[in-house]
Amino acid sequence: MAKKKIDKVTTAEKEVGEFVSRSEQFIENNKKNITYGLLAIVVVIGGILAYNYLYLVPKNNNASVALFKGEQYFQRDSFNLALNGNGVDYDGFEAIIDQYGGTKSANLAKLYAGICYYKSGDYEAAIKHLKSFKSKEGNASVEAIGLIGDCYVELGNVKDGITYFEKAASATSNEFLNPRYLKKAGQAYESLQQYDNAIKAYTTIKEKYAASYEASDIDKYIVSAQLKK
C-alpha cells in the first residue's frame, strides 16, 4: 500500500518536473516574443493613463470652467451671450460643444444651447441641439424631449409635437412632469380637432395625477373638449 503511494507521488513529481522543464524551454525559445509582448502591454497601459491624466482630465476641467460661466449668463436670461460668448473670457455654449466634444460639459451645453435657441425663436437649431443631448438622468432627458415637442408645435408641425409630448410623458412617472406633458398633448390634440384623444389625455391627468397643478382645473378642459366634440 505504501509502495503504491510512493509510486503515485513519484509520478506526480515527474509530471510537475516535466511541466516546469517544458515551461522553461518555452520561455527560453520565445524570450524575445514574450519581452516584446510585455513591452506592448506596458506601452498600452501607459498610453491609456497618459490620455486620461494628461489630456482627458484637463479637458474636462477646462470644459467645466467654461460651462460655469455660460450658466451664469443663462440664469440671467442673457441667451445670446450664453450661446455665443462675450468676446473676452467666455466663448459660448456653441464653442464648448465644438472644443470639448465627448465631455459631460459639452453634452450639457447642448441642452443649454437648445433652450437658448428655443427662447430666441430659432426652433430648428433648438431641435438639433436637443436631439443631440444624451442623458441617463431622467428629468433632464424628459425636459429635453418635451421641449422638442414645443419646438415642433411652434413650427406648425403639431403631429410631431404630440409625438414628443407623449414620449416625454411616458418616459417618466414624475408627478410634476408627466401631467405637464399630458396637458400639452391634450391641447395639441384639440388644435387638430382630435377631441377624443384630448379627453383621454386630460382624463389621465385627473385619474392618475389628482394632486398635480394641472389637475386643479382639468375638469374644465375635459368639459370644453366634450362640448367641442
C-alpha atoms as a PDB file:
ATOM      1  CA  MET A   1       0.000   0.000   0.000  1.00  0.00           C
ATOM      2  CA  ALA A   2       2.824   2.337   0.999  1.00  0.00           C
ATOM      3  CA  LYS A   3       4.691   1.452  -2.168  1.00  0.00           C
ATOM      4  CA  LYS A   4       1.696   2.473  -4.312  1.00  0.00           C
ATOM      5  CA  LYS A   5       1.542   5.835  -2.564  1.00  0.00           C
ATOM      6  CA  ILE A   6       5.251   6.375  -3.129  1.00  0.00           C
ATOM      7  CA  ASP A   7       4.833   5.477  -6.800  1.00  0.00           C
ATOM      8  CA  LYS A   8       1.968   7.962  -7.162  1.00  0.00           C
ATOM      9  CA  VAL A   9       3.998  10.720  -5.512  1.00  0.00           C
ATOM     10  CA  THR A  10       6.998   9.926  -7.694  1.00  0.00           C
ATOM     11  CA  THR A  11       4.832  10.024 -10.828  1.00  0.00           C
ATOM     12  CA  ALA A  12       3.318  13.358  -9.803  1.00  0.00           C
ATOM     13  CA  GLU A  13       6.748  14.795  -9.108  1.00  0.00           C
ATOM     14  CA  LYS A  14       7.938  13.659 -12.528  1.00  0.00           C
ATOM     15  CA  GLU A  15       4.920  15.259 -14.216  1.00  0.00           C
ATOM     16  CA  VAL A  16       5.487  18.524 -12.363  1.00  0.00           C
ATOM     17  CA  GLY A  17       9.152  18.414 -13.226  1.00  0.00           C
ATOM     18  CA  GLU A  18       8.398  17.798 -16.892  1.00  0.00           C
ATOM     19  CA  PHE A  19       5.876  20.626 -16.920  1.00  0.00           C
ATOM     20  CA  VAL A  20       8.378  23.027 -15.353  1.00  0.00           C
ATOM     21  CA  SER A  21      11.034  21.889 -17.788  1.00  0.00           C
ATOM     22  CA  ARG A  22       8.748  22.426 -20.780  1.00  0.00           C
ATOM     23  CA  SER A  23       7.737  25.858 -19.445  1.00  0.00           C
ATOM     24  CA  GLU A  24      11.349  26.887 -19.023  1.00  0.00           C
ATOM     25  CA  GLN A  25      12.146  25.657 -22.511  1.00  0.00           C
ATOM     26  CA  PHE A  26       9.151  27.554 -23.951  1.00  0.00           C
ATOM     27  CA  ILE A  27      10.246  30.753 -22.203  1.00  0.00           C
ATOM     28  CA  GLU A  28      13.793  30.284 -23.442  1.00  0.00           C
ATOM     29  CA  ASN A  29      12.680  29.685 -27.036  1.00  0.00           C
ATOM     30  CA  ASN A  30      10.230  32.614 -27.018  1.00  0.00           C
ATOM     31  CA  LYS A  31      12.146  35.060 -24.855  1.00  0.00           C
ATOM     32  CA  LYS A  32      12.091  37.849 -27.425  1.00  0.00           C
ATOM     33  CA  ASN A  33       8.386  37.474 -28.215  1.00  0.00           C
ATOM     34  CA  ILE A  34       7.475  37.455 -24.533  1.00  0.00           C
ATOM     35  CA  THR A  35       9.604  40.534 -23.902  1.00  0.00           C
ATOM     36  CA  TYR A  36       8.021  42.382 -26.816  1.00  0.00           C
ATOM     37  CA  GLY A  37       4.554  41.340 -25.624  1.00  0.00           C
ATOM     38  CA  LEU A  38       5.185  42.663 -22.118  1.00  0.00           C
ATOM     39  CA  LEU A  39       6.574  45.893 -23.537  1.00  0.00           C
ATOM     40  CA  ALA A  40       3.477  46.277 -25.716  1.00  0.00           C
ATOM     41  CA  ILE A  41       1.220  45.843 -22.667  1.00  0.00           C
ATOM     42  CA  VAL A  42       3.240  48.437 -20.753  1.00  0.00           C
ATOM     43  CA  VAL A  43       3.024  50.868 -23.675  1.00  0.00           C
ATOM     44  CA  VAL A  44      -0.751  50.406 -24.000  1.00  0.00           C
ATOM     45  CA  ILE A  45      -1.363  50.874 -20.269  1.00  0.00           C
ATOM     46  CA  GLY A  46       0.967  53.880 -20.212  1.00  0.00           C
ATOM     47  CA  GLY A  47      -0.854  55.374 -23.190  1.00  0.00           C
ATOM     48  CA  ILE A  48      -4.232  54.961 -21.537  1.00  0.00           C
ATOM     49  CA  LEU A  49      -3.014  56.566 -18.297  1.00  0.00           C
ATOM     50  CA  ALA A  50      -1.351  59.408 -20.189  1.00  0.00           C
ATOM     51  CA  TYR A  51      -4.507  60.039 -22.235  1.00  0.00           C
ATOM     52  CA  ASN A  52      -6.670  60.119 -19.120  1.00  0.00           C
ATOM     53  CA  TYR A  53      -4.475  62.251 -16.882  1.00  0.00           C
ATOM     54  CA  LEU A  54      -2.649  64.450 -19.384  1.00  0.00           C
ATOM     55  CA  TYR A  55      -5.499  65.057 -21.845  1.00  0.00           C
ATOM     56  CA  LEU A  56      -8.960  63.926 -20.738  1.00  0.00           C
ATOM     57  CA  VAL A  57      -8.906  65.193 -17.131  1.00  0.00           C
ATOM     58  CA  PRO A  58      -7.622  68.698 -18.049  1.00  0.00           C
ATOM     59  CA  LYS A  59     -10.102  68.811 -20.944  1.00  0.00           C
ATOM     60  CA  ASN A  60     -12.998  68.013 -18.617  1.00  0.00           C
ATOM     61  CA  ASN A  61     -11.812  70.570 -16.082  1.00  0.00           C
ATOM     62  CA  ASN A  62     -11.493  73.324 -18.707  1.00  0.00           C
ATOM     63  CA  ALA A  63     -14.926  72.467 -20.087  1.00  0.00           C
ATOM     64  CA  SER A  64     -16.469  72.648 -16.606  1.00  0.00           C
ATOM     65  CA  VAL A  65     -14.981  76.098 -16.009  1.00  0.00           C
ATOM     66  CA  ALA A  66     -16.265  77.342 -19.368  1.00  0.00           C
ATOM     67  CA  LEU A  67     -19.719  75.868 -18.757  1.00  0.00           C
ATOM     68  CA  PHE A  68     -19.986  77.558 -15.369  1.00  0.00           C
ATOM     69  CA  LYS A  69     -19.583  80.984 -16.980  1.00  0.00           C
ATOM     70  CA  GLY A  70     -22.239  80.113 -19.544  1.00  0.00           C
ATOM     71  CA  GLU A  71     -24.627  79.010 -16.841  1.00  0.00           C
ATOM     72  CA  GLN A  72     -24.309  82.413 -15.196  1.00  0.00           C
ATOM     73  CA  TYR A  73     -25.405  84.161 -18.396  1.00  0.00           C
ATOM     74  CA  PHE A  74     -28.162  81.581 -18.878  1.00  0.00           C
ATOM     75  CA  GLN A  75     -29.559  82.203 -15.397  1.00  0.00           C
ATOM     76  CA  ARG A  76     -29.720  85.933 -16.184  1.00  0.00           C
ATOM     77  CA  ASP A  77     -31.650  85.185 -19.420  1.00  0.00           C
ATOM     78  CA  SER A  78     -28.738  86.540 -21.470  1.00  0.00           C
ATOM     79  CA  PHE A  79     -29.269  83.849 -24.085  1.00  0.00           C
ATOM     80  CA  ASN A  80     -27.204  85.390 -26.882  1.00  0.00           C
ATOM     81  CA  LEU A  81     -24.176  85.817 -24.618  1.00  0.00           C
ATOM     82  CA  ALA A  82     -24.675  82.324 -23.224  1.00  0.00           C
ATOM     83  CA  LEU A  83     -24.697  80.890 -26.758  1.00  0.00           C
ATOM     84  CA  ASN A  84     -22.022  82.936 -28.462  1.00  0.00           C
ATOM     85  CA  GLY A  85     -19.776  84.262 -25.697  1.00  0.00           C
ATOM     86  CA  ASN A  86     -18.787  87.718 -24.546  1.00  0.00           C
ATOM     87  CA  GLY A  87     -15.739  88.143 -26.745  1.00  0.00           C
ATOM     88  CA  VAL A  88     -13.440  88.416 -23.719  1.00  0.00           C
ATOM     89  CA  ASP A  89     -13.214  85.439 -21.383  1.00  0.00           C
ATOM     90  CA  TYR A  90     -16.113  83.250 -22.453  1.00  0.00           C
ATOM     91  CA  ASP A  91     -16.672  81.699 -25.894  1.00  0.00           C
ATOM     92  CA  GLY A  92     -20.235  80.421 -25.560  1.00  0.00           C
ATOM     93  CA  PHE A  93     -22.105  77.118 -25.445  1.00  0.00           C
ATOM     94  CA  GLU A  94     -21.525  76.545 -29.156  1.00  0.00           C
ATOM     95  CA  ALA A  95     -17.759  76.801 -28.648  1.00  0.00           C
ATOM     96  CA  ILE A  96     -17.907  74.441 -25.670  1.00  0.00           C
ATOM     97  CA  ILE A  97     -19.726  71.877 -27.811  1.00  0.00           C
ATOM     98  CA  ASP A  98     -17.108  72.188 -30.574  1.00  0.00           C
ATOM     99  CA  GLN A  99     -13.975  72.397 -28.428  1.00  0.00           C
ATOM    100  CA  TYR A 100     -14.800  69.911 -25.692  1.00  0.00           C
ATOM    101  CA  GLY A 101     -16.702  67.209 -27.546  1.00  0.00           C
ATOM    102  CA  GLY A 102     -17.020  63.974 -25.596  1.00  0.00           C
ATOM    103  CA  THR A 103     -17.095  65.655 -22.192  1.00  0.00           C
ATOM    104  CA  LYS A 104     -20.067  65.830 -19.846  1.00  0.00           C
ATOM    105  CA  SER A 105     -19.914  69.618 -20.005  1.00  0.00           C
ATOM    106  CA  ALA A 106     -20.152  69.646 -23.805  1.00  0.00           C
ATOM    107  CA  ASN A 107     -23.154  67.344 -23.638  1.00  0.00           C
ATOM    108  CA  LEU A 108     -24.847  69.578 -21.071  1.00  0.00           C
ATOM    109  CA  ALA A 109     -24.008  72.603 -23.221  1.00  0.00           C
ATOM    110  CA  LYS A 110     -26.185  71.029 -25.940  1.00  0.00           C
ATOM    111  CA  LEU A 111     -29.178  71.139 -23.601  1.00  0.00           C
ATOM    112  CA  TYR A 112     -28.470  74.731 -22.594  1.00  0.00           C
ATOM    113  CA  ALA A 113     -27.958  75.729 -26.224  1.00  0.00           C
ATOM    114  CA  GLY A 114     -31.238  74.069 -27.205  1.00  0.00           C
ATOM    115  CA  ILE A 115     -33.108  76.021 -24.539  1.00  0.00           C
ATOM    116  CA  CYS A 116     -31.388  79.271 -25.573  1.00  0.00           C
ATOM    117  CA  TYR A 117     -32.344  78.778 -29.211  1.00  0.00           C
ATOM    118  CA  TYR A 118     -35.926  77.972 -28.204  1.00  0.00           C
ATOM    119  CA  LYS A 119     -36.122  81.140 -26.104  1.00  0.00           C
ATOM    120  CA  SER A 120     -34.678  83.096 -29.035  1.00  0.00           C
ATOM    121  CA  GLY A 121     -37.213  81.678 -31.503  1.00  0.00           C
ATOM    122  CA  ASP A 122     -34.767  79.584 -33.545  1.00  0.00           C
ATOM    123  CA  TYR A 123     -36.702  76.343 -33.239  1.00  0.00           C
ATOM    124  CA  GLU A 124     -34.820  74.370 -35.885  1.00  0.00           C
ATOM    125  CA  ALA A 125     -31.489  74.998 -34.139  1.00  0.00           C
ATOM    126  CA  ALA A 126     -33.123  74.166 -30.809  1.00  0.00           C
ATOM    127  CA  ILE A 127     -34.355  70.800 -32.120  1.00  0.00           C
ATOM    128  CA  LYS A 128     -30.894  69.972 -33.498  1.00  0.00           C
ATOM    129  CA  HIS A 129     -29.172  70.565 -30.160  1.00  0.00           C
ATOM    130  CA  LEU A 130     -31.872  68.984 -28.015  1.00  0.00           C
ATOM    131  CA  LYS A 131     -31.866  65.804 -30.095  1.00  0.00           C
ATOM    132  CA  SER A 132     -28.090  65.510 -29.757  1.00  0.00           C
ATOM    133  CA  PHE A 133     -28.268  65.836 -25.968  1.00  0.00           C
ATOM    134  CA  LYS A 134     -27.955  62.456 -24.236  1.00  0.00           C
ATOM    135  CA  SER A 135     -28.559  61.858 -20.567  1.00  0.00           C
ATOM    136  CA  LYS A 136     -29.274  58.994 -18.203  1.00  0.00           C
ATOM    137  CA  GLU A 137     -30.619  61.492 -15.723  1.00  0.00           C
ATOM    138  CA  GLY A 138     -34.371  61.132 -16.086  1.00  0.00           C
ATOM    139  CA  ASN A 139     -35.665  64.656 -15.570  1.00  0.00           C
ATOM    140  CA  ALA A 140     -33.137  66.402 -17.818  1.00  0.00           C
ATOM    141  CA  SER A 141     -33.795  63.943 -20.619  1.00  0.00           C
ATOM    142  CA  VAL A 142     -37.581  64.291 -20.242  1.00  0.00           C
ATOM    143  CA  GLU A 143     -37.353  68.099 -20.269  1.00  0.00           C
ATOM    144  CA  ALA A 144     -35.329  67.942 -23.494  1.00  0.00           C
ATOM    145  CA  ILE A 145     -37.849  65.605 -25.151  1.00  0.00           C
ATOM    146  CA  GLY A 146     -40.769  67.790 -24.098  1.00  0.00           C
ATOM    147  CA  LEU A 147     -39.077  70.944 -25.362  1.00  0.00           C
ATOM    148  CA  ILE A 148     -38.576  69.314 -28.759  1.00  0.00           C
ATOM    149  CA  GLY A 149     -42.355  68.898 -28.785  1.00  0.00           C
ATOM    150  CA  ASP A 150     -42.774  72.610 -28.045  1.00  0.00           C
ATOM    151  CA  CYS A 151     -40.433  73.452 -30.919  1.00  0.00           C
ATOM    152  CA  TYR A 152     -42.398  71.347 -33.389  1.00  0.00           C
ATOM    153  CA  VAL A 153     -45.670  72.959 -32.299  1.00  0.00           C
ATOM    154  CA  GLU A 154     -44.140  76.417 -32.772  1.00  0.00           C
ATOM    155  CA  LEU A 155     -43.061  75.360 -36.266  1.00  0.00           C
ATOM    156  CA  GLY A 156     -46.636  74.289 -37.046  1.00  0.00           C
ATOM    157  CA  ASN A 157     -45.800  70.589 -37.007  1.00  0.00           C
ATOM    158  CA  VAL A 158     -48.329  69.691 -34.318  1.00  0.00           C
ATOM    159  CA  LYS A 159     -48.367  65.948 -35.002  1.00  0.00           C
ATOM    160  CA  ASP A 160     -44.648  65.619 -34.309  1.00  0.00           C
ATOM    161  CA  GLY A 161     -45.125  67.869 -31.299  1.00  0.00           C
ATOM    162  CA  ILE A 162     -47.712  65.459 -29.889  1.00  0.00           C
ATOM    163  CA  THR A 163     -45.354  62.537 -30.508  1.00  0.00           C
ATOM    164  CA  TYR A 164     -42.690  64.169 -28.345  1.00  0.00           C
ATOM    165  CA  PHE A 165     -45.141  65.277 -25.641  1.00  0.00           C
ATOM    166  CA  GLU A 166     -46.402  61.716 -25.306  1.00  0.00           C
ATOM    167  CA  LYS A 167     -42.860  60.380 -25.410  1.00  0.00           C
ATOM    168  CA  ALA A 168     -41.898  62.746 -22.591  1.00  0.00           C
ATOM    169  CA  ALA A 169     -44.956  61.765 -20.555  1.00  0.00           C
ATOM    170  CA  SER A 170     -44.301  58.038 -20.979  1.00  0.00           C
ATOM    171  CA  ALA A 171     -40.605  58.414 -20.143  1.00  0.00           C
ATOM    172  CA  THR A 172     -41.297  59.393 -16.546  1.00  0.00           C
ATOM    173  CA  SER A 173     -43.635  58.756 -13.645  1.00  0.00           C
ATOM    174  CA  ASN A 174     -42.703  62.129 -12.155  1.00  0.00           C
ATOM    175  CA  GLU A 175     -45.866  63.704 -10.710  1.00  0.00           C
ATOM    176  CA  PHE A 176     -44.711  67.158 -11.799  1.00  0.00           C
ATOM    177  CA  LEU A 177     -43.500  66.475 -15.339  1.00  0.00           C
ATOM    178  CA  ASN A 178     -45.889  63.781 -16.531  1.00  0.00           C
ATOM    179  CA  PRO A 179     -49.146  65.755 -16.186  1.00  0.00           C
ATOM    180  CA  ARG A 180     -47.481  68.807 -17.725  1.00  0.00           C
ATOM    181  CA  TYR A 181     -46.755  66.954 -20.962  1.00  0.00           C
ATOM    182  CA  LEU A 182     -50.077  65.140 -20.961  1.00  0.00           C
ATOM    183  CA  LYS A 183     -51.790  68.520 -20.838  1.00  0.00           C
ATOM    184  CA  LYS A 184     -49.632  69.819 -23.681  1.00  0.00           C
ATOM    185  CA  ALA A 185     -50.550  66.738 -25.702  1.00  0.00           C
ATOM    186  CA  GLY A 186     -54.248  67.278 -24.935  1.00  0.00           C
ATOM    187  CA  GLN A 187     -54.142  70.910 -26.060  1.00  0.00           C
ATOM    188  CA  ALA A 188     -52.265  69.935 -29.224  1.00  0.00           C
ATOM    189  CA  TYR A 189     -54.890  67.282 -29.985  1.00  0.00           C
ATOM    190  CA  GLU A 190     -57.610  69.897 -29.548  1.00  0.00           C
ATOM    191  CA  SER A 191     -55.877  72.157 -32.077  1.00  0.00           C
ATOM    192  CA  LEU A 192     -56.177  69.266 -34.553  1.00  0.00           C
ATOM    193  CA  GLN A 193     -59.821  68.724 -33.527  1.00  0.00           C
ATOM    194  CA  GLN A 194     -58.972  65.254 -32.237  1.00  0.00           C
ATOM    195  CA  TYR A 195     -61.155  65.664 -29.195  1.00  0.00           C
ATOM    196  CA  ASP A 196     -61.324  62.008 -28.123  1.00  0.00           C
ATOM    197  CA  ASN A 197     -57.552  61.924 -27.783  1.00  0.00           C
ATOM    198  CA  ALA A 198     -57.580  65.236 -25.945  1.00  0.00           C
ATOM    199  CA  ILE A 199     -60.204  63.965 -23.487  1.00  0.00           C
ATOM    200  CA  LYS A 200     -58.154  60.822 -22.926  1.00  0.00           C
ATOM    201  CA  ALA A 201     -55.036  62.853 -22.062  1.00  0.00           C
ATOM    202  CA  TYR A 202     -56.961  65.161 -19.710  1.00  0.00           C
ATOM    203  CA  THR A 203     -58.733  62.245 -18.037  1.00  0.00           C
ATOM    204  CA  THR A 204     -55.400  60.535 -17.371  1.00  0.00           C
ATOM    205  CA  ILE A 205     -54.289  63.660 -15.518  1.00  0.00           C
ATOM    206  CA  LYS A 206     -57.491  63.665 -13.460  1.00  0.00           C
ATOM    207  CA  GLU A 207     -57.285  59.993 -12.548  1.00  0.00           C
ATOM    208  CA  LYS A 208     -53.547  59.435 -12.101  1.00  0.00           C
ATOM    209  CA  TYR A 209     -52.227  62.846 -11.076  1.00  0.00           C
ATOM    210  CA  ALA A 210     -55.034  64.310  -8.996  1.00  0.00           C
ATOM    211  CA  ALA A 211     -52.566  66.116  -6.711  1.00  0.00           C
ATOM    212  CA  SER A 212     -50.784  67.892  -9.578  1.00  0.00           C
ATOM    213  CA  TYR A 213     -51.123  71.549 -10.508  1.00  0.00           C
ATOM    214  CA  GLU A 214     -52.559  70.584 -13.898  1.00  0.00           C
ATOM    215  CA  ALA A 215     -55.312  68.550 -12.246  1.00  0.00           C
ATOM    216  CA  SER A 216     -56.602  71.557 -10.282  1.00  0.00           C
ATOM    217  CA  ASP A 217     -58.629  72.838 -13.254  1.00  0.00           C
ATOM    218  CA  ILE A 218     -58.537  69.838 -15.586  1.00  0.00           C
ATOM    219  CA  ASP A 219     -62.324  69.348 -15.418  1.00  0.00           C
ATOM    220  CA  LYS A 220     -62.915  72.495 -17.428  1.00  0.00           C
ATOM    221  CA  TYR A 221     -60.584  71.187 -20.151  1.00  0.00           C
ATOM    222  CA  ILE A 222     -62.439  67.891 -20.242  1.00  0.00           C
ATOM    223  CA  VAL A 223     -65.836  69.616 -20.443  1.00  0.00           C
ATOM    224  CA  SER A 224     -64.583  72.035 -23.101  1.00  0.00           C
ATOM    225  CA  ALA A 225     -63.260  69.198 -25.269  1.00  0.00           C
ATOM    226  CA  GLN A 226     -66.520  67.262 -24.823  1.00  0.00           C
ATOM    227  CA  LEU A 227     -68.559  70.281 -25.913  1.00  0.00           C
ATOM    228  CA  LYS A 228     -66.351  70.867 -28.946  1.00  0.00           C
ATOM    229  CA  LYS A 229     -66.697  67.208 -29.851  1.00  0.00           C
END
